[in-house]
Amino acid sequence: QVQLVESGGGLVQAGGSLRLSCAASGRAVGIYAMAWFRQAPGKEREFVAAISWSGGSTYYGDSVQGRFTISRGNAKTTLALQMVSLKPEDTADYYCAATRADNPYSYYVGAKEYEHWGQGTRVTVSS
């Protein structure tokens, strides 16, 4: 069983920065591809960024490309999302997700690809 716990959400002004973290625990979590998704009130869950378990491959959603950076720690058990130049439209609950991957360079953008989810952390960007 893999457990994911997000932290780092909060209130920030437009143009500001925030760093989200996700702590992963469980068997073989080091070979899990991981991602961040977000869900704004009244909207569907949206892909934000994904990373392979090796850390060698990353992919971003169009709305965050160039502003957000996904990374994972050396032990592969932590996931981070560095967010800069935040906009009010970035306001959402942010979720960490993980799924086992055989290929160290594989990542996934569909929510249905992910088996494990955290509880979420709220990010609010004021204008």
Foldseek 3Di string as FASTA:
>chain_A
DKAKAKDWADEAAAQAKTKMKIFIDDPPLLQKKKFKWWDAPPGDIAGAKIAFSLRPEIDGDPVQPPFWDWGADPSSRMIMIIGGNDDQVVWTWMKMFIDGDPDRGDIDRDPVRTDDIYPTDTHGYHD
